[in-house]
Amino acid sequence: MFDVIAQPYLGRAVREKVQVLERGSDLVLGSDHTHVAGGRLTATTVETVRFTPPERVDFRLVRGPVPHMAEAFVLTEQAGGTRLVYEGELCTDLWRAGAWWGTTVAGRWEATVAASLAAVKKEAERRAAHR
């Protein structure tokens, strides 16, 4: 499952929405493009992605719609498979205006995370079926 999560950043075939800006042995600086406003606009974030195989992939926002965002996909082997735990943190500033903006961003962020988790699950199950 680690390979499924890391593929857009470490693999040769980069997904259309991810652009790798810099690549190191265990850290990537990537730009992620997400359609917003019904597809009329594209939001771009820049984030670091740190790989700790086989148990973790950590994301940290460098540039984006909020001052702080951090995420982690934590993997543990279990009998019969792998357990994936998602951890995410989004922080804002500017008091009431920041709280409003954080709520606005969080809704889209949660939808994006849910779609990513569904895609990871589907691909991991597909790979497991072909073993």
Foldseek 3Di string as FASTA:
>chain_A
DQCLVCCLPPPPDHDPQKDFPDDDPFKTWIKGWDQDPVNPDIFIWIWMWGDDPPFKIKIWTDDGDAPTKIKMWGWDDDVPGIDTDIDIDGDHDDPPVRVVSSVVVVVVVVVVVVVSVVSSVVVVVVVVVVD
